[in-house]
Amino acid sequence: MDLGLRGKLAVVTGASSGMGKASAISLLKEGSRVLISSRSEEKLKKAAEELSRYGEVHFKASDLRKAEDISELYERAEELGGADILVISYGGPRIARFRDLDDRDWYEAFDLLVMSSVRLSRLFGYRMKERGWGRVVLITSTAVKEVNMNIPLSSVVRTGLAGLIKVLSRELAPEVTVNGIMPGRIMTERQRELLAFKAEELGITLEQMEEEASKEIPLRRFGKPEEVGDLIAFLCSERASYISGALIPIDGGMLTVVG
């Protein structure tokens, strides 16, 4: 299946590891050029070297909590001809129970998840609309639909992203589609941190926690970052041209809510 992505410029944030990196790889395999970003320049350079085997890769270190860094990332994309695709991925907020969170934790989570997405979408989204074509995909979490008590910051703040996706899908239409995906238990470093947190609470080993957690997933296994990347590549493609404003789970069937 030709996804029609050859030559498109995709900007992927949080791309030095995990689902962001996997998304960049999937897009490269479909012939896109990519501009990857993350906070750590060292990790970003290493990722760019690895990704270059798949196609044309550029990188720009950016802290998504800083408006000036987002502006510089946008300018770099313009130097490369302008972004056609924006994939928003970020590290997760602090893992902690509600009782252990203070005001600063809440403000930082809002800055990291919501304000970064607002600023990125405002710059890149309207430019895509002016150019007549574009795709925006936000990586959220199943916590949007079903509360995870180990990460109340994510459960509360990411629901704001669901609203933003709906607003943008109307604001940027018809030239640009905007969608979100809701990963469940995808085996990344972040997932291992969550498992370690829960294992410590329960007084069991990490290996035992992984085994117990996988049993809760209907498909009986954790997801792979590349499976997320392939879904994102499809949503960015011509083949997904009538999908917009959607929140799509990729969780092995674990969500129990309807709709």
C-alpha atoms as a PDB file:
ATOM      1  CA  MET A   1       0.000   0.000   0.000  1.00  0.00           C
ATOM      2  CA  ASP A   2       1.431   3.377  -1.052  1.00  0.00           C
ATOM      3  CA  LEU A   3       0.756   5.851   1.758  1.00  0.00           C
ATOM      4  CA  GLY A   4       1.651   8.853  -0.404  1.00  0.00           C
ATOM      5  CA  LEU A   5       4.265  10.187   2.027  1.00  0.00           C
ATOM      6  CA  ARG A   6       7.310  10.225  -0.217  1.00  0.00           C
ATOM      7  CA  GLY A   7       9.162  13.536   0.048  1.00  0.00           C
ATOM      8  CA  LYS A   8       6.925  14.953   2.803  1.00  0.00           C
ATOM      9  CA  LEU A   9       8.689  16.658   5.703  1.00  0.00           C
ATOM     10  CA  ALA A  10       7.639  15.255   9.075  1.00  0.00           C
ATOM     11  CA  VAL A  11       8.527  17.017  12.323  1.00  0.00           C
ATOM     12  CA  VAL A  12       8.565  14.533  15.196  1.00  0.00           C
ATOM     13  CA  THR A  13       9.113  15.689  18.772  1.00  0.00           C
ATOM     14  CA  GLY A  14      10.290  13.478  21.612  1.00  0.00           C
ATOM     15  CA  ALA A  15      12.042  11.432  18.957  1.00  0.00           C
ATOM     16  CA  SER A  16      15.271  10.393  20.653  1.00  0.00           C
ATOM     17  CA  SER A  17      13.587   7.266  22.040  1.00  0.00           C
ATOM     18  CA  GLY A  18      10.334   5.384  22.511  1.00  0.00           C
ATOM     19  CA  MET A  19       7.235   6.046  20.460  1.00  0.00           C
ATOM     20  CA  GLY A  20       8.539   9.294  18.988  1.00  0.00           C
ATOM     21  CA  LYS A  21      11.599   7.561  17.606  1.00  0.00           C
ATOM     22  CA  ALA A  22       9.512   4.655  16.328  1.00  0.00           C
ATOM     23  CA  SER A  23       7.177   7.105  14.567  1.00  0.00           C
ATOM     24  CA  ALA A  24      10.125   8.759  12.840  1.00  0.00           C
ATOM     25  CA  ILE A  25      11.345   5.366  11.633  1.00  0.00           C
ATOM     26  CA  SER A  26       7.921   4.397  10.261  1.00  0.00           C
ATOM     27  CA  LEU A  27       7.642   7.707   8.405  1.00  0.00           C
ATOM     28  CA  LEU A  28      11.158   7.358   7.002  1.00  0.00           C
ATOM     29  CA  LYS A  29      10.356   3.876   5.734  1.00  0.00           C
ATOM     30  CA  GLU A  30       7.451   5.416   3.799  1.00  0.00           C
ATOM     31  CA  GLY A  31       9.789   7.882   2.099  1.00  0.00           C
ATOM     32  CA  SER A  32       9.237  10.939   4.293  1.00  0.00           C
ATOM     33  CA  ARG A  33      12.028  13.246   5.307  1.00  0.00           C
ATOM     34  CA  VAL A  34      12.114  13.828   9.052  1.00  0.00           C
ATOM     35  CA  LEU A  35      13.172  16.583  11.419  1.00  0.00           C
ATOM     36  CA  ILE A  36      13.460  15.051  14.865  1.00  0.00           C
ATOM     37  CA  SER A  37      13.587  16.865  18.167  1.00  0.00           C
ATOM     38  CA  SER A  38      14.084  16.201  21.869  1.00  0.00           C
ATOM     39  CA  ARG A  39      15.632  17.958  24.860  1.00  0.00           C
ATOM     40  CA  SER A  40      18.942  16.098  24.921  1.00  0.00           C
ATOM     41  CA  GLU A  41      21.185  17.016  22.009  1.00  0.00           C
ATOM     42  CA  GLU A  42      23.474  14.088  22.784  1.00  0.00           C
ATOM     43  CA  LYS A  43      20.646  11.541  22.630  1.00  0.00           C
ATOM     44  CA  LEU A  44      19.200  13.276  19.587  1.00  0.00           C
ATOM     45  CA  LYS A  45      22.465  13.059  17.638  1.00  0.00           C
ATOM     46  CA  LYS A  46      22.718   9.364  18.448  1.00  0.00           C
ATOM     47  CA  ALA A  47      19.129   8.787  17.323  1.00  0.00           C
ATOM     48  CA  ALA A  48      19.702  10.760  14.103  1.00  0.00           C
ATOM     49  CA  GLU A  49      22.724   8.620  13.254  1.00  0.00           C
ATOM     50  CA  GLU A  50      20.676   5.471  13.780  1.00  0.00           C
ATOM     51  CA  LEU A  51      17.693   6.761  11.811  1.00  0.00           C
ATOM     52  CA  SER A  52      19.796   7.925   8.872  1.00  0.00           C
ATOM     53  CA  ARG A  53      19.952   4.352   7.609  1.00  0.00           C
ATOM     54  CA  TYR A  54      16.261   4.683   6.699  1.00  0.00           C
ATOM     55  CA  GLY A  55      16.361   8.017   4.878  1.00  0.00           C
ATOM     56  CA  GLU A  56      16.877  11.782   5.156  1.00  0.00           C
ATOM     57  CA  VAL A  57      17.109  12.892   8.794  1.00  0.00           C
ATOM     58  CA  HIS A  58      17.601  16.321  10.336  1.00  0.00           C
ATOM     59  CA  PHE A  59      17.586  17.184  14.024  1.00  0.00           C
ATOM     60  CA  LYS A  60      17.108  20.180  16.311  1.00  0.00           C
ATOM     61  CA  ALA A  61      17.287  20.001  20.093  1.00  0.00           C
ATOM     62  CA  SER A  62      14.223  21.610  21.685  1.00  0.00           C
ATOM     63  CA  ASP A  63      12.666  21.829  25.125  1.00  0.00           C
ATOM     64  CA  LEU A  64       8.930  21.772  24.448  1.00  0.00           C
ATOM     65  CA  ARG A  65       8.283  23.649  27.685  1.00  0.00           C
ATOM     66  CA  LYS A  66       9.977  26.713  26.171  1.00  0.00           C
ATOM     67  CA  ALA A  67       8.113  28.795  23.586  1.00  0.00           C
ATOM     68  CA  GLU A  68      11.389  30.075  22.101  1.00  0.00           C
ATOM     69  CA  ASP A  69      12.620  26.519  21.477  1.00  0.00           C
ATOM     70  CA  ILE A  70       9.387  25.672  19.661  1.00  0.00           C
ATOM     71  CA  SER A  71       9.777  28.800  17.507  1.00  0.00           C
ATOM     72  CA  GLU A  72      13.343  27.770  16.621  1.00  0.00           C
ATOM     73  CA  LEU A  73      12.148  24.269  15.697  1.00  0.00           C
ATOM     74  CA  TYR A  74       9.514  25.820  13.426  1.00  0.00           C
ATOM     75  CA  GLU A  75      12.123  28.050  11.751  1.00  0.00           C
ATOM     76  CA  ARG A  76      14.346  25.026  11.125  1.00  0.00           C
ATOM     77  CA  ALA A  77      11.427  23.243   9.471  1.00  0.00           C
ATOM     78  CA  GLU A  78      10.825  26.291   7.280  1.00  0.00           C
ATOM     79  CA  GLU A  79      14.474  26.218   6.197  1.00  0.00           C
ATOM     80  CA  LEU A  80      13.876  22.648   5.047  1.00  0.00           C
ATOM     81  CA  GLY A  81      10.857  23.665   2.976  1.00  0.00           C
ATOM     82  CA  GLY A  82       8.120  23.652   5.600  1.00  0.00           C
ATOM     83  CA  ALA A  83       6.519  20.836   7.555  1.00  0.00           C
ATOM     84  CA  ASP A  84       3.784  18.696   6.033  1.00  0.00           C
ATOM     85  CA  ILE A  85       3.396  16.490   9.103  1.00  0.00           C
ATOM     86  CA  LEU A  86       3.643  17.167  12.828  1.00  0.00           C
ATOM     87  CA  VAL A  87       3.833  14.301  15.311  1.00  0.00           C
ATOM     88  CA  ILE A  88       3.725  15.497  18.922  1.00  0.00           C
ATOM     89  CA  SER A  89       5.347  13.145  21.395  1.00  0.00           C
ATOM     90  CA  TYR A  90       6.738  14.024  24.811  1.00  0.00           C
ATOM     91  CA  GLY A  91       8.006  12.506  28.003  1.00  0.00           C
ATOM     92  CA  GLY A  92       5.341  11.827  30.588  1.00  0.00           C
ATOM     93  CA  PRO A  93       4.743  13.862  33.743  1.00  0.00           C
ATOM     94  CA  ARG A  94       5.808  12.768  37.216  1.00  0.00           C
ATOM     95  CA  ILE A  95       4.703   9.306  38.348  1.00  0.00           C
ATOM     96  CA  ALA A  96       3.163   9.721  41.805  1.00  0.00           C
ATOM     97  CA  ARG A  97      -0.044   9.287  43.755  1.00  0.00           C
ATOM     98  CA  PHE A  98      -2.343  12.306  44.002  1.00  0.00           C
ATOM     99  CA  ARG A  99      -1.488  12.911  47.675  1.00  0.00           C
ATOM    100  CA  ASP A 100       2.205  13.334  46.807  1.00  0.00           C
ATOM    101  CA  LEU A 101       1.725  16.004  44.125  1.00  0.00           C
ATOM    102  CA  ASP A 102       2.037  19.727  44.780  1.00  0.00           C
ATOM    103  CA  ASP A 103       0.971  22.784  42.764  1.00  0.00           C
ATOM    104  CA  ARG A 104       4.273  22.925  40.911  1.00  0.00           C
ATOM    105  CA  ASP A 105       3.793  19.359  39.625  1.00  0.00           C
ATOM    106  CA  TRP A 106       0.401  20.306  38.171  1.00  0.00           C
ATOM    107  CA  TYR A 107       1.665  23.459  36.485  1.00  0.00           C
ATOM    108  CA  GLU A 108       4.673  21.643  35.039  1.00  0.00           C
ATOM    109  CA  ALA A 109       2.474  18.850  33.661  1.00  0.00           C
ATOM    110  CA  PHE A 110       0.169  21.399  32.019  1.00  0.00           C
ATOM    111  CA  ASP A 111       3.148  23.191  30.457  1.00  0.00           C
ATOM    112  CA  LEU A 112       4.688  19.950  29.212  1.00  0.00           C
ATOM    113  CA  LEU A 113       1.566  18.372  27.742  1.00  0.00           C
ATOM    114  CA  VAL A 114      -0.948  21.084  26.892  1.00  0.00           C
ATOM    115  CA  MET A 115       0.949  24.332  26.317  1.00  0.00           C
ATOM    116  CA  SER A 116       3.611  22.619  24.213  1.00  0.00           C
ATOM    117  CA  SER A 117       0.870  21.121  22.023  1.00  0.00           C
ATOM    118  CA  VAL A 118      -0.902  24.473  21.747  1.00  0.00           C
ATOM    119  CA  ARG A 119       2.269  26.272  20.684  1.00  0.00           C
ATOM    120  CA  LEU A 120       3.363  23.581  18.239  1.00  0.00           C
ATOM    121  CA  SER A 121      -0.090  23.358  16.652  1.00  0.00           C
ATOM    122  CA  ARG A 122      -0.444  27.128  16.403  1.00  0.00           C
ATOM    123  CA  LEU A 123       2.804  27.496  14.479  1.00  0.00           C
ATOM    124  CA  PHE A 124       2.871  24.348  12.379  1.00  0.00           C
ATOM    125  CA  GLY A 125      -0.874  23.822  11.954  1.00  0.00           C
ATOM    126  CA  TYR A 126      -1.711  27.197  10.463  1.00  0.00           C
ATOM    127  CA  ARG A 127       1.326  27.050   8.186  1.00  0.00           C
ATOM    128  CA  MET A 128       0.148  23.673   6.857  1.00  0.00           C
ATOM    129  CA  LYS A 129      -3.308  25.132   6.314  1.00  0.00           C
ATOM    130  CA  GLU A 130      -1.817  28.014   4.331  1.00  0.00           C
ATOM    131  CA  ARG A 131       0.104  25.538   2.199  1.00  0.00           C
ATOM    132  CA  GLY A 132      -3.035  23.491   1.544  1.00  0.00           C
ATOM    133  CA  TRP A 133      -2.168  20.107   3.120  1.00  0.00           C
ATOM    134  CA  GLY A 134      -1.091  18.743   6.457  1.00  0.00           C
ATOM    135  CA  ARG A 135      -1.329  16.116   9.165  1.00  0.00           C
ATOM    136  CA  VAL A 136      -1.105  16.582  12.934  1.00  0.00           C
ATOM    137  CA  VAL A 137      -0.994  13.582  15.288  1.00  0.00           C
ATOM    138  CA  LEU A 138      -0.751  13.853  19.063  1.00  0.00           C
ATOM    139  CA  ILE A 139       0.393  10.903  21.141  1.00  0.00           C
ATOM    140  CA  THR A 140      -1.766  10.916  24.275  1.00  0.00           C
ATOM    141  CA  SER A 141      -2.630   7.939  26.492  1.00  0.00           C
ATOM    142  CA  THR A 142      -5.466   5.594  27.396  1.00  0.00           C
ATOM    143  CA  ALA A 143      -5.507   7.654  30.613  1.00  0.00           C
ATOM    144  CA  VAL A 144      -7.637  10.099  28.591  1.00  0.00           C
ATOM    145  CA  LYS A 145     -10.453   7.538  28.712  1.00  0.00           C
ATOM    146  CA  GLU A 146      -9.701   5.491  31.812  1.00  0.00           C
ATOM    147  CA  VAL A 147      -8.057   6.871  34.933  1.00  0.00           C
ATOM    148  CA  ASN A 148      -4.696   5.452  35.974  1.00  0.00           C
ATOM    149  CA  MET A 149      -4.237   6.109  39.692  1.00  0.00           C
ATOM    150  CA  ASN A 150      -0.442   5.844  39.417  1.00  0.00           C
ATOM    151  CA  ILE A 151      -0.318   8.832  37.054  1.00  0.00           C
ATOM    152  CA  PRO A 152      -3.097  11.266  38.054  1.00  0.00           C
ATOM    153  CA  LEU A 153      -1.199  14.085  36.338  1.00  0.00           C
ATOM    154  CA  SER A 154      -1.527  12.276  33.031  1.00  0.00           C
ATOM    155  CA  SER A 155      -5.122  11.221  33.661  1.00  0.00           C
ATOM    156  CA  VAL A 156      -6.226  14.792  34.371  1.00  0.00           C
ATOM    157  CA  VAL A 157      -4.049  16.904  32.097  1.00  0.00           C
ATOM    158  CA  ARG A 158      -4.211  14.690  28.997  1.00  0.00           C
ATOM    159  CA  THR A 159      -7.995  15.033  28.907  1.00  0.00           C
ATOM    160  CA  GLY A 160      -7.273  18.625  27.889  1.00  0.00           C
ATOM    161  CA  LEU A 161      -5.452  17.273  24.849  1.00  0.00           C
ATOM    162  CA  ALA A 162      -8.600  15.420  23.815  1.00  0.00           C
ATOM    163  CA  GLY A 163     -10.421  18.748  23.709  1.00  0.00           C
ATOM    164  CA  LEU A 164      -7.557  20.387  21.846  1.00  0.00           C
ATOM    165  CA  ILE A 165      -7.635  17.671  19.185  1.00  0.00           C
ATOM    166  CA  LYS A 166     -11.332  18.301  18.570  1.00  0.00           C
ATOM    167  CA  VAL A 167     -10.849  22.073  18.423  1.00  0.00           C
ATOM    168  CA  LEU A 168      -7.916  21.824  16.020  1.00  0.00           C
ATOM    169  CA  SER A 169      -9.630  19.276  13.783  1.00  0.00           C
ATOM    170  CA  ARG A 170     -12.317  21.899  13.117  1.00  0.00           C
ATOM    171  CA  GLU A 171     -10.069  24.948  13.144  1.00  0.00           C
ATOM    172  CA  LEU A 172      -7.576  23.577  10.613  1.00  0.00           C
ATOM    173  CA  ALA A 173     -10.074  21.771   8.353  1.00  0.00           C
ATOM    174  CA  PRO A 174     -10.403  21.010   5.520  1.00  0.00           C
ATOM    175  CA  GLU A 175      -6.725  21.245   4.573  1.00  0.00           C
ATOM    176  CA  VAL A 176      -5.274  19.610   7.697  1.00  0.00           C
ATOM    177  CA  THR A 177      -6.406  16.521   9.594  1.00  0.00           C
ATOM    178  CA  VAL A 178      -5.777  16.331  13.343  1.00  0.00           C
ATOM    179  CA  ASN A 179      -5.934  13.111  15.339  1.00  0.00           C
ATOM    180  CA  GLY A 180      -4.762  11.631  18.597  1.00  0.00           C
ATOM    181  CA  ILE A 181      -3.703   8.147  19.493  1.00  0.00           C
ATOM    182  CA  MET A 182      -4.070   6.576  22.929  1.00  0.00           C
ATOM    183  CA  PRO A 183      -1.287   4.075  23.594  1.00  0.00           C
ATOM    184  CA  GLY A 184      -1.835   1.571  26.350  1.00  0.00           C
ATOM    185  CA  ARG A 185       0.969  -0.579  27.707  1.00  0.00           C
ATOM    186  CA  ILE A 186       3.677  -0.049  25.103  1.00  0.00           C
ATOM    187  CA  MET A 187       7.089  -1.334  26.202  1.00  0.00           C
ATOM    188  CA  THR A 188       9.162   1.831  26.451  1.00  0.00           C
ATOM    189  CA  GLU A 189      11.424   3.240  29.168  1.00  0.00           C
ATOM    190  CA  ARG A 190       8.423   5.186  30.451  1.00  0.00           C
ATOM    191  CA  GLN A 191       6.415   1.967  30.743  1.00  0.00           C
ATOM    192  CA  ARG A 192       9.254   0.339  32.662  1.00  0.00           C
ATOM    193  CA  GLU A 193       9.246   3.292  35.080  1.00  0.00           C
ATOM    194  CA  LEU A 194       5.507   2.838  35.635  1.00  0.00           C
ATOM    195  CA  LEU A 195       5.934  -0.874  36.225  1.00  0.00           C
ATOM    196  CA  ALA A 196       8.803  -0.284  38.647  1.00  0.00           C
ATOM    197  CA  PHE A 197       6.705   2.244  40.585  1.00  0.00           C
ATOM    198  CA  LYS A 198       3.834  -0.228  40.909  1.00  0.00           C
ATOM    199  CA  ALA A 199       6.162  -3.139  41.744  1.00  0.00           C
ATOM    200  CA  GLU A 200       7.673  -1.163  44.608  1.00  0.00           C
ATOM    201  CA  GLU A 201       4.215  -0.337  45.969  1.00  0.00           C
ATOM    202  CA  LEU A 202       3.209  -4.011  45.866  1.00  0.00           C
ATOM    203  CA  GLY A 203       6.535  -5.306  47.159  1.00  0.00           C
ATOM    204  CA  ILE A 204       7.184  -7.572  44.189  1.00  0.00           C
ATOM    205  CA  THR A 205       9.944  -7.768  41.564  1.00  0.00           C
ATOM    206  CA  LEU A 206       9.826  -5.904  38.271  1.00  0.00           C
ATOM    207  CA  GLU A 207       9.688  -9.236  36.419  1.00  0.00           C
ATOM    208  CA  GLN A 208       6.660 -10.320  38.464  1.00  0.00           C
ATOM    209  CA  MET A 209       4.995  -6.973  37.804  1.00  0.00           C
ATOM    210  CA  GLU A 210       5.557  -7.287  34.056  1.00  0.00           C
ATOM    211  CA  GLU A 211       4.053 -10.756  34.052  1.00  0.00           C
ATOM    212  CA  GLU A 212       0.995  -9.675  36.042  1.00  0.00           C
ATOM    213  CA  ALA A 213       0.493  -6.544  33.939  1.00  0.00           C
ATOM    214  CA  SER A 214       0.629  -8.475  30.658  1.00  0.00           C
ATOM    215  CA  LYS A 215      -2.121 -10.820  31.906  1.00  0.00           C
ATOM    216  CA  GLU A 216      -4.473  -7.815  32.157  1.00  0.00           C
ATOM    217  CA  ILE A 217      -4.118  -7.113  28.439  1.00  0.00           C
ATOM    218  CA  PRO A 218      -6.562  -9.094  26.258  1.00  0.00           C
ATOM    219  CA  LEU A 219      -3.812  -9.763  23.693  1.00  0.00           C
ATOM    220  CA  ARG A 220      -1.609 -10.991  26.567  1.00  0.00           C
ATOM    221  CA  ARG A 221       1.441  -8.926  25.680  1.00  0.00           C
ATOM    222  CA  PHE A 222       2.826  -5.418  25.783  1.00  0.00           C
ATOM    223  CA  GLY A 223       2.726  -3.373  22.618  1.00  0.00           C
ATOM    224  CA  LYS A 224       5.831  -2.476  20.625  1.00  0.00           C
ATOM    225  CA  PRO A 225       6.834   1.127  19.827  1.00  0.00           C
ATOM    226  CA  GLU A 226       7.007   0.240  16.130  1.00  0.00           C
ATOM    227  CA  GLU A 227       3.326  -0.754  16.191  1.00  0.00           C
ATOM    228  CA  VAL A 228       2.534   2.764  17.375  1.00  0.00           C
ATOM    229  CA  GLY A 229       4.809   4.197  14.691  1.00  0.00           C
ATOM    230  CA  ASP A 230       3.004   2.309  11.937  1.00  0.00           C
ATOM    231  CA  LEU A 231      -0.394   3.553  13.126  1.00  0.00           C
ATOM    232  CA  ILE A 232       0.908   7.114  13.090  1.00  0.00           C
ATOM    233  CA  ALA A 233       2.342   6.703   9.587  1.00  0.00           C
ATOM    234  CA  PHE A 234      -1.072   5.563   8.384  1.00  0.00           C
ATOM    235  CA  LEU A 235      -2.851   8.520  10.029  1.00  0.00           C
ATOM    236  CA  CYS A 236      -0.371  10.847   8.312  1.00  0.00           C
ATOM    237  CA  SER A 237      -1.025   9.308   4.921  1.00  0.00           C
ATOM    238  CA  GLU A 238      -3.318  10.002   1.988  1.00  0.00           C
ATOM    239  CA  ARG A 239      -5.109   6.755   2.866  1.00  0.00           C
ATOM    240  CA  ALA A 240      -6.379   8.343   6.108  1.00  0.00           C
ATOM    241  CA  SER A 241      -7.687  11.507   4.456  1.00  0.00           C
ATOM    242  CA  TYR A 242     -11.210  11.170   5.944  1.00  0.00           C
ATOM    243  CA  ILE A 243     -10.085  10.560   9.521  1.00  0.00           C
ATOM    244  CA  SER A 244      -9.929  13.711  11.643  1.00  0.00           C
ATOM    245  CA  GLY A 245     -10.785  14.639  15.207  1.00  0.00           C
ATOM    246  CA  ALA A 246     -10.396  11.008  16.277  1.00  0.00           C
ATOM    247  CA  LEU A 247      -8.849   9.516  19.396  1.00  0.00           C
ATOM    248  CA  ILE A 248      -7.694   6.033  18.481  1.00  0.00           C
ATOM    249  CA  PRO A 249      -6.635   3.492  21.127  1.00  0.00           C
ATOM    250  CA  ILE A 250      -3.698   1.197  20.531  1.00  0.00           C
ATOM    251  CA  ASP A 251      -3.793  -0.872  23.687  1.00  0.00           C
ATOM    252  CA  GLY A 252      -4.286  -4.532  22.847  1.00  0.00           C
ATOM    253  CA  GLY A 253      -7.981  -4.237  23.712  1.00  0.00           C
ATOM    254  CA  MET A 254      -7.409  -3.176  27.310  1.00  0.00           C
ATOM    255  CA  LEU A 255      -9.765  -0.178  27.516  1.00  0.00           C
ATOM    256  CA  THR A 256     -13.115  -1.143  29.023  1.00  0.00           C
ATOM    257  CA  VAL A 257     -14.980   2.098  28.272  1.00  0.00           C
ATOM    258  CA  VAL A 258     -17.309   2.449  25.280  1.00  0.00           C
ATOM    259  CA  GLY A 259     -16.775   5.334  22.861  1.00  0.00           C
END
